[in-house]
Amino acid sequence: MGELEPERQFHRLLLDNLARLRRYARVLERNAAHADDLVQDTLESAWRNWRQWRPGSDIRPWLFGIMHNRHVDHVRRNRPPCELSGEEWTQLAVPPAHERELRLRDLDRAISRLPEEQREVLLLVVVEEMRYQDAAKTLGLAVGTVMSRLHRGRERLRQLMVEYGGAEP
């Protein structure tokens, strides 16, 4: 039973993080079908290599690292990114009131205008609440680089949100 326990724990954690993976994939890929493919690729790779995960450690950096690498592979194939439609964004969020829907639309536009490296760090640290060290490991960067990109991304996002609606995120 000692061998089955880590595997069961892994499977439970994989399922527990499925919604996070889907959300991050949607933002990275900007297209629902491509995002679903990215999640599928990530899950297949994680499932095949589950023994590489260290039981007891936070599984998120490992899973997001796999997803990041898969996304980079997709980008290298020169497939142009697509923007999420308003309907797709609302599927990711709690059904918003009209004002909130408009702010989400503005936020989506602003996030899509960020350089990809800032957008990735911002989403991992702010949305997924990863520690700087875990985001750095996920993206294969130094912690200082993560902090710098996060700072620049937040500042640019603030500027864009003021341009769109006069309010900061």
C-alpha atoms as a PDB file:
ATOM      1  CA  MET A   1       0.000   0.000   0.000  1.00  0.00           C
ATOM      2  CA  GLY A   2       2.999   2.290   0.498  1.00  0.00           C
ATOM      3  CA  GLU A   3       3.411   2.582  -3.296  1.00  0.00           C
ATOM      4  CA  LEU A   4      -0.273   3.321  -3.900  1.00  0.00           C
ATOM      5  CA  GLU A   5      -0.567   6.133  -1.372  1.00  0.00           C
ATOM      6  CA  PRO A   6       1.639   8.676  -3.249  1.00  0.00           C
ATOM      7  CA  GLU A   7      -0.117   7.766  -6.504  1.00  0.00           C
ATOM      8  CA  ARG A   8      -3.547   8.319  -4.961  1.00  0.00           C
ATOM      9  CA  GLN A   9      -2.367  11.583  -3.457  1.00  0.00           C
ATOM     10  CA  PHE A  10      -1.050  12.643  -6.873  1.00  0.00           C
ATOM     11  CA  HIS A  11      -4.335  11.810  -8.604  1.00  0.00           C
ATOM     12  CA  ARG A  12      -6.318  13.753  -6.004  1.00  0.00           C
ATOM     13  CA  LEU A  13      -4.040  16.785  -6.335  1.00  0.00           C
ATOM     14  CA  LEU A  14      -4.218  16.588 -10.127  1.00  0.00           C
ATOM     15  CA  LEU A  15      -8.013  16.721  -9.990  1.00  0.00           C
ATOM     16  CA  ASP A  16      -7.955  19.463  -7.355  1.00  0.00           C
ATOM     17  CA  ASN A  17      -5.869  21.651  -9.682  1.00  0.00           C
ATOM     18  CA  LEU A  18      -7.753  20.983 -12.908  1.00  0.00           C
ATOM     19  CA  ALA A  19      -9.769  24.220 -12.750  1.00  0.00           C
ATOM     20  CA  ARG A  20      -6.595  26.250 -12.156  1.00  0.00           C
ATOM     21  CA  LEU A  21      -4.893  24.584 -15.103  1.00  0.00           C
ATOM     22  CA  ARG A  22      -7.883  25.283 -17.336  1.00  0.00           C
ATOM     23  CA  ARG A  23      -8.032  28.923 -16.280  1.00  0.00           C
ATOM     24  CA  TYR A  24      -4.307  29.488 -16.848  1.00  0.00           C
ATOM     25  CA  ALA A  25      -4.415  27.666 -20.187  1.00  0.00           C
ATOM     26  CA  ARG A  26      -7.317  29.851 -21.359  1.00  0.00           C
ATOM     27  CA  VAL A  27      -5.361  32.977 -20.604  1.00  0.00           C
ATOM     28  CA  LEU A  28      -2.162  31.672 -22.185  1.00  0.00           C
ATOM     29  CA  GLU A  29      -3.728  30.306 -25.341  1.00  0.00           C
ATOM     30  CA  ARG A  30      -6.498  32.897 -25.758  1.00  0.00           C
ATOM     31  CA  ASN A  31      -8.613  30.292 -27.553  1.00  0.00           C
ATOM     32  CA  ALA A  32     -10.842  27.726 -25.830  1.00  0.00           C
ATOM     33  CA  ALA A  33     -10.013  24.812 -28.138  1.00  0.00           C
ATOM     34  CA  HIS A  34      -6.256  25.431 -27.961  1.00  0.00           C
ATOM     35  CA  ALA A  35      -6.493  25.856 -24.186  1.00  0.00           C
ATOM     36  CA  ASP A  36      -8.281  22.520 -23.843  1.00  0.00           C
ATOM     37  CA  ASP A  37      -5.534  20.908 -25.944  1.00  0.00           C
ATOM     38  CA  LEU A  38      -2.894  22.476 -23.703  1.00  0.00           C
ATOM     39  CA  VAL A  39      -4.602  21.154 -20.564  1.00  0.00           C
ATOM     40  CA  GLN A  40      -4.850  17.709 -22.158  1.00  0.00           C
ATOM     41  CA  ASP A  41      -1.145  17.748 -23.089  1.00  0.00           C
ATOM     42  CA  THR A  42      -0.255  18.886 -19.577  1.00  0.00           C
ATOM     43  CA  LEU A  43      -2.337  16.193 -17.913  1.00  0.00           C
ATOM     44  CA  GLU A  44      -0.950  13.471 -20.168  1.00  0.00           C
ATOM     45  CA  SER A  45       2.621  14.511 -19.431  1.00  0.00           C
ATOM     46  CA  ALA A  46       1.967  14.808 -15.697  1.00  0.00           C
ATOM     47  CA  TRP A  47       0.252  11.426 -15.640  1.00  0.00           C
ATOM     48  CA  ARG A  48       3.141   9.764 -17.504  1.00  0.00           C
ATOM     49  CA  ASN A  49       5.748  11.364 -15.251  1.00  0.00           C
ATOM     50  CA  TRP A  50       3.939  11.436 -11.926  1.00  0.00           C
ATOM     51  CA  ARG A  51       6.878   9.790 -10.139  1.00  0.00           C
ATOM     52  CA  GLN A  52       8.957  12.920 -10.808  1.00  0.00           C
ATOM     53  CA  TRP A  53       6.666  14.859  -8.465  1.00  0.00           C
ATOM     54  CA  ARG A  54       7.848  14.861  -4.855  1.00  0.00           C
ATOM     55  CA  PRO A  55       5.025  13.762  -2.505  1.00  0.00           C
ATOM     56  CA  GLY A  56       4.353  16.383   0.115  1.00  0.00           C
ATOM     57  CA  SER A  57       5.519  19.269  -2.081  1.00  0.00           C
ATOM     58  CA  ASP A  58       3.248  21.844  -3.700  1.00  0.00           C
ATOM     59  CA  ILE A  59       2.202  20.288  -6.998  1.00  0.00           C
ATOM     60  CA  ARG A  60       1.253  23.612  -8.627  1.00  0.00           C
ATOM     61  CA  PRO A  61       4.739  24.750  -9.686  1.00  0.00           C
ATOM     62  CA  TRP A  62       5.392  21.333 -11.185  1.00  0.00           C
ATOM     63  CA  LEU A  63       2.080  21.261 -13.109  1.00  0.00           C
ATOM     64  CA  PHE A  64       2.325  24.881 -14.232  1.00  0.00           C
ATOM     65  CA  GLY A  65       5.923  24.244 -15.293  1.00  0.00           C
ATOM     66  CA  ILE A  66       4.744  21.421 -17.533  1.00  0.00           C
ATOM     67  CA  MET A  67       2.005  23.670 -18.921  1.00  0.00           C
ATOM     68  CA  HIS A  68       4.421  26.544 -19.483  1.00  0.00           C
ATOM     69  CA  ASN A  69       6.799  24.312 -21.410  1.00  0.00           C
ATOM     70  CA  ARG A  70       3.953  22.926 -23.532  1.00  0.00           C
ATOM     71  CA  HIS A  71       2.745  26.470 -24.236  1.00  0.00           C
ATOM     72  CA  VAL A  72       6.234  27.566 -25.285  1.00  0.00           C
ATOM     73  CA  ASP A  73       6.344  24.591 -27.652  1.00  0.00           C
ATOM     74  CA  HIS A  74       3.002  25.693 -29.147  1.00  0.00           C
ATOM     75  CA  VAL A  75       4.184  29.293 -29.538  1.00  0.00           C
ATOM     76  CA  ARG A  76       7.347  28.133 -31.248  1.00  0.00           C
ATOM     77  CA  ARG A  77       5.196  26.466 -33.861  1.00  0.00           C
ATOM     78  CA  ASN A  78       4.168  30.049 -34.785  1.00  0.00           C
ATOM     79  CA  ARG A  79       0.492  29.661 -34.172  1.00  0.00           C
ATOM     80  CA  PRO A  80      -0.834  33.203 -33.692  1.00  0.00           C
ATOM     81  CA  PRO A  81      -2.621  33.743 -30.363  1.00  0.00           C
ATOM     82  CA  CYS A  82      -6.352  34.403 -30.360  1.00  0.00           C
ATOM     83  CA  GLU A  83      -8.223  36.584 -27.906  1.00  0.00           C
ATOM     84  CA  LEU A  84     -10.888  35.162 -25.649  1.00  0.00           C
ATOM     85  CA  SER A  85     -14.352  36.300 -26.517  1.00  0.00           C
ATOM     86  CA  GLY A  86     -16.458  38.082 -23.919  1.00  0.00           C
ATOM     87  CA  GLU A  87     -18.544  34.939 -23.560  1.00  0.00           C
ATOM     88  CA  GLU A  88     -15.450  32.808 -22.903  1.00  0.00           C
ATOM     89  CA  TRP A  89     -14.218  35.246 -20.239  1.00  0.00           C
ATOM     90  CA  THR A  90     -17.553  35.182 -18.451  1.00  0.00           C
ATOM     91  CA  GLN A  91     -17.354  31.385 -18.355  1.00  0.00           C
ATOM     92  CA  LEU A  92     -14.123  31.746 -16.373  1.00  0.00           C
ATOM     93  CA  ALA A  93     -15.564  34.153 -13.817  1.00  0.00           C
ATOM     94  CA  VAL A  94     -18.550  34.286 -11.512  1.00  0.00           C
ATOM     95  CA  PRO A  95     -21.481  35.731 -13.500  1.00  0.00           C
ATOM     96  CA  PRO A  96     -20.796  39.464 -13.149  1.00  0.00           C
ATOM     97  CA  ALA A  97     -23.056  42.463 -12.808  1.00  0.00           C
ATOM     98  CA  HIS A  98     -22.935  44.792 -15.823  1.00  0.00           C
ATOM     99  CA  GLU A  99     -20.243  47.036 -14.354  1.00  0.00           C
ATOM    100  CA  ARG A 100     -18.118  44.103 -13.314  1.00  0.00           C
ATOM    101  CA  GLU A 101     -18.505  42.585 -16.783  1.00  0.00           C
ATOM    102  CA  LEU A 102     -17.207  45.781 -18.343  1.00  0.00           C
ATOM    103  CA  ARG A 103     -14.241  45.875 -15.974  1.00  0.00           C
ATOM    104  CA  LEU A 104     -13.442  42.248 -16.774  1.00  0.00           C
ATOM    105  CA  ARG A 105     -13.552  43.067 -20.467  1.00  0.00           C
ATOM    106  CA  ASP A 106     -11.212  46.002 -19.908  1.00  0.00           C
ATOM    107  CA  LEU A 107      -8.940  43.841 -17.760  1.00  0.00           C
ATOM    108  CA  ASP A 108      -8.845  41.162 -20.471  1.00  0.00           C
ATOM    109  CA  ARG A 109      -7.882  43.760 -23.054  1.00  0.00           C
ATOM    110  CA  ALA A 110      -5.239  45.234 -20.788  1.00  0.00           C
ATOM    111  CA  ILE A 111      -3.768  41.833 -19.925  1.00  0.00           C
ATOM    112  CA  SER A 112      -3.647  40.874 -23.602  1.00  0.00           C
ATOM    113  CA  ARG A 113      -1.591  44.013 -24.300  1.00  0.00           C
ATOM    114  CA  LEU A 114       1.071  43.070 -21.751  1.00  0.00           C
ATOM    115  CA  PRO A 115       4.222  41.399 -23.071  1.00  0.00           C
ATOM    116  CA  GLU A 116       3.849  37.641 -22.690  1.00  0.00           C
ATOM    117  CA  GLU A 117       6.651  37.354 -20.133  1.00  0.00           C
ATOM    118  CA  GLN A 118       4.954  39.929 -17.874  1.00  0.00           C
ATOM    119  CA  ARG A 119       1.524  38.354 -18.416  1.00  0.00           C
ATOM    120  CA  GLU A 120       2.771  34.888 -17.434  1.00  0.00           C
ATOM    121  CA  VAL A 121       4.397  36.096 -14.214  1.00  0.00           C
ATOM    122  CA  LEU A 122       1.406  38.262 -13.304  1.00  0.00           C
ATOM    123  CA  LEU A 123      -1.004  35.369 -13.738  1.00  0.00           C
ATOM    124  CA  LEU A 124       1.083  32.873 -11.783  1.00  0.00           C
ATOM    125  CA  VAL A 125       1.791  35.191  -8.846  1.00  0.00           C
ATOM    126  CA  VAL A 126      -1.433  37.205  -8.679  1.00  0.00           C
ATOM    127  CA  VAL A 127      -4.128  34.890 -10.015  1.00  0.00           C
ATOM    128  CA  GLU A 128      -2.690  31.530  -8.993  1.00  0.00           C
ATOM    129  CA  GLU A 129      -1.104  32.942  -5.820  1.00  0.00           C
ATOM    130  CA  MET A 130       2.236  31.229  -6.382  1.00  0.00           C
ATOM    131  CA  ARG A 131       5.227  32.258  -4.352  1.00  0.00           C
ATOM    132  CA  TYR A 132       7.945  34.081  -6.303  1.00  0.00           C
ATOM    133  CA  GLN A 133      10.267  31.090  -5.928  1.00  0.00           C
ATOM    134  CA  ASP A 134       7.654  28.698  -7.336  1.00  0.00           C
ATOM    135  CA  ALA A 135       6.826  30.995 -10.258  1.00  0.00           C
ATOM    136  CA  ALA A 136      10.550  31.334 -10.985  1.00  0.00           C
ATOM    137  CA  LYS A 137      10.960  27.560 -10.980  1.00  0.00           C
ATOM    138  CA  THR A 138       7.870  27.123 -13.162  1.00  0.00           C
ATOM    139  CA  LEU A 139       9.144  29.574 -15.782  1.00  0.00           C
ATOM    140  CA  GLY A 140      12.821  28.688 -15.502  1.00  0.00           C
ATOM    141  CA  LEU A 141      13.797  32.188 -14.329  1.00  0.00           C
ATOM    142  CA  ALA A 142      15.676  33.797 -11.472  1.00  0.00           C
ATOM    143  CA  VAL A 143      13.512  35.053  -8.604  1.00  0.00           C
ATOM    144  CA  GLY A 144      14.722  38.608  -9.251  1.00  0.00           C
ATOM    145  CA  THR A 145      13.568  38.366 -12.858  1.00  0.00           C
ATOM    146  CA  VAL A 146      10.125  37.237 -11.695  1.00  0.00           C
ATOM    147  CA  MET A 147       9.926  40.157  -9.279  1.00  0.00           C
ATOM    148  CA  SER A 148      11.047  42.630 -11.930  1.00  0.00           C
ATOM    149  CA  ARG A 149       8.576  41.340 -14.535  1.00  0.00           C
ATOM    150  CA  LEU A 150       5.802  41.339 -11.967  1.00  0.00           C
ATOM    151  CA  HIS A 151       6.522  44.948 -11.017  1.00  0.00           C
ATOM    152  CA  ARG A 152       6.662  46.105 -14.646  1.00  0.00           C
ATOM    153  CA  GLY A 153       3.541  44.089 -15.498  1.00  0.00           C
ATOM    154  CA  ARG A 154       1.552  45.541 -12.599  1.00  0.00           C
ATOM    155  CA  GLU A 155       2.599  49.088 -13.478  1.00  0.00           C
ATOM    156  CA  ARG A 156       1.712  48.645 -17.145  1.00  0.00           C
ATOM    157  CA  LEU A 157      -1.601  47.010 -16.224  1.00  0.00           C
ATOM    158  CA  ARG A 158      -2.450  49.984 -13.997  1.00  0.00           C
ATOM    159  CA  GLN A 159      -1.670  52.399 -16.840  1.00  0.00           C
ATOM    160  CA  LEU A 160      -3.798  50.446 -19.291  1.00  0.00           C
ATOM    161  CA  MET A 161      -6.737  50.195 -16.911  1.00  0.00           C
ATOM    162  CA  VAL A 162      -6.659  53.956 -16.354  1.00  0.00           C
ATOM    163  CA  GLU A 163      -6.657  54.421 -20.142  1.00  0.00           C
ATOM    164  CA  TYR A 164      -9.653  52.101 -20.548  1.00  0.00           C
ATOM    165  CA  GLY A 165     -11.901  53.335 -17.805  1.00  0.00           C
ATOM    166  CA  GLY A 166     -10.233  55.781 -15.516  1.00  0.00           C
ATOM    167  CA  ALA A 167      -9.930  53.225 -12.706  1.00  0.00           C
ATOM    168  CA  GLU A 168      -7.133  51.002 -11.547  1.00  0.00           C
ATOM    169  CA  PRO A 169      -7.602  47.214 -11.257  1.00  0.00           C
END
